Amino acid sequence: MTSETLQFIVMVDGDADEVALLRCVLKNLPDAVRLKAHSCDVRGNWLEIWQNEDADPNLAENDDDGYLYYRWRVELTPMGGTVDEDHQVELARALIGAFERADGRAVVLANFEDRV
């Protein structure tokens, strides 16, 4: 698979701000290395946290596509040929667990999302 098909997004909703979300990643994935206030390297990926410009707490409650209106977009981009789909699935699961432990809701958007 190409790196484009291994990219993924985790939509996250909750009260945490971007600093708290990055802290959550760094705490729960000890191999993560902070780069900037909103990004880190983690397991062969560049992780960036962005505010979702379409965020709407009322629409986020919709069961079908509410995740599109969650507060945060966490984007992950592979940084080399060292990752494969199994690796990305494991990372996506770890991130969902981390965000849920921080009382957030998280949904993965990816070509492999049915495996998460």
Protein backbone atom coordinates (compact mmCIF):
# COMPACT_ATOMS: atom_id res chain seq x y z
CA MET A 1 0.00 0.00 0.00
CA THR A 2 1.13 3.55 -0.61
CA SER A 3 1.58 6.00 2.23
CA GLU A 4 -1.56 7.85 1.06
CA THR A 5 -3.69 4.78 1.72
CA LEU A 6 -2.08 4.38 5.14
CA GLN A 7 -2.86 7.94 6.24
CA PHE A 8 -5.72 8.24 8.67
CA ILE A 9 -7.70 10.70 10.74
CA VAL A 10 -9.09 10.30 14.23
CA MET A 11 -12.02 12.60 14.89
CA VAL A 12 -12.10 13.43 18.61
CA ASP A 13 -14.78 15.12 20.68
CA GLY A 14 -14.70 16.16 24.30
CA ASP A 15 -13.66 18.97 26.60
CA ALA A 16 -9.90 18.62 26.10
CA ASP A 17 -7.99 21.29 24.20
CA GLU A 18 -5.15 20.53 21.76
CA VAL A 19 -2.52 20.72 24.52
CA ALA A 20 -4.41 18.16 26.60
CA LEU A 21 -4.92 15.90 23.56
CA LEU A 22 -1.21 15.94 22.73
CA ARG A 23 -0.38 15.31 26.39
CA CYS A 24 -2.75 12.34 26.27
CA VAL A 25 -0.93 10.90 23.24
CA LEU A 26 2.49 11.43 24.82
CA LYS A 27 1.36 9.83 28.10
CA ASN A 28 -0.33 6.78 26.56
CA LEU A 29 2.15 6.15 23.74
CA PRO A 30 5.54 6.56 25.42
CA ASP A 31 7.40 6.17 22.12
CA ALA A 32 5.83 9.44 20.87
CA VAL A 33 8.21 12.39 20.52
CA ARG A 34 6.80 15.92 20.67
CA LEU A 35 7.62 18.18 17.71
CA LYS A 36 5.48 21.29 18.16
CA ALA A 37 2.61 22.43 20.36
CA HIS A 38 0.16 20.42 18.24
CA SER A 39 2.24 17.60 16.75
CA CYS A 40 4.50 14.64 17.46
CA ASP A 41 6.22 11.70 15.83
CA VAL A 42 4.61 8.44 16.85
CA ARG A 43 5.35 4.96 15.56
CA GLY A 44 6.62 6.08 12.16
CA ASN A 45 3.90 8.72 11.69
CA TRP A 46 3.65 12.47 11.92
CA LEU A 47 0.63 13.23 14.13
CA GLU A 48 -0.97 16.69 13.96
CA ILE A 49 -3.93 17.96 15.98
CA TRP A 50 -6.20 20.49 14.28
CA GLN A 51 -9.39 22.17 15.36
CA ASN A 52 -12.28 21.00 13.18
CA GLU A 53 -13.66 24.12 11.50
CA ASP A 54 -17.00 22.33 11.03
CA ALA A 55 -17.32 21.45 14.73
CA ASP A 56 -20.86 21.74 16.06
CA PRO A 57 -21.81 20.19 19.41
CA ASN A 58 -25.44 19.81 18.37
CA LEU A 59 -24.64 17.97 15.13
CA ALA A 60 -21.94 15.88 16.86
CA GLU A 61 -24.69 14.06 18.76
CA ASN A 62 -26.07 12.52 15.53
CA ASP A 63 -25.45 8.76 15.56
CA ASP A 64 -24.92 8.44 11.80
CA ASP A 65 -22.36 11.08 10.91
CA GLY A 66 -21.92 13.11 14.07
CA TYR A 67 -18.18 12.43 14.06
CA LEU A 68 -17.86 14.89 11.15
CA TYR A 69 -18.72 17.63 13.66
CA TYR A 70 -16.41 16.55 16.48
CA ARG A 71 -14.16 19.26 17.87
CA TRP A 72 -10.76 17.91 16.76
CA ARG A 73 -9.10 16.27 13.73
CA VAL A 74 -6.04 14.22 14.56
CA GLU A 75 -4.22 13.54 11.30
CA LEU A 76 -1.58 10.82 10.94
CA THR A 77 0.77 10.61 7.99
CA PRO A 78 3.37 7.84 7.58
CA MET A 79 6.90 9.22 7.40
CA GLY A 80 8.58 6.40 5.53
CA GLY A 81 8.26 2.87 4.30
CA THR A 82 8.43 1.32 7.76
CA VAL A 83 4.69 1.08 8.37
CA ASP A 84 2.09 -1.23 6.91
CA GLU A 85 -1.65 -1.53 7.34
CA ASP A 86 -1.43 -3.84 10.37
CA HIS A 87 0.87 -1.29 12.04
CA GLN A 88 -1.59 1.54 11.34
CA VAL A 89 -4.56 -0.45 12.63
CA GLU A 90 -2.71 -1.10 15.90
CA LEU A 91 -1.79 2.59 16.20
CA ALA A 92 -5.39 3.67 15.49
CA ARG A 93 -6.65 1.35 18.23
CA ALA A 94 -4.07 2.70 20.68
CA LEU A 95 -5.09 6.29 19.93
CA ILE A 96 -8.79 5.56 20.32
CA GLY A 97 -8.07 3.99 23.70
CA ALA A 98 -5.96 6.96 24.77
CA PHE A 99 -8.61 9.52 23.80
CA GLU A 100 -11.39 7.50 25.45
CA ARG A 101 -9.35 7.28 28.68
CA ALA A 102 -9.29 11.09 28.57
CA ASP A 103 -13.13 11.07 28.47
CA GLY A 104 -13.29 11.81 24.76
CA ARG A 105 -15.13 10.16 21.91
CA ALA A 106 -13.03 9.05 18.96
CA VAL A 107 -13.74 7.69 15.49
CA VAL A 108 -11.15 6.57 12.92
CA LEU A 109 -11.53 7.60 9.28
CA ALA A 110 -9.29 5.47 7.06
CA ASN A 111 -9.17 3.05 4.16
CA PHE A 112 -8.79 0.36 6.84
CA GLU A 113 -11.36 1.70 9.33
CA ASP A 114 -13.39 -1.54 9.21
CA ARG A 115 -10.40 -3.29 10.87
CA VAL A 116 -10.15 -0.91 13.84
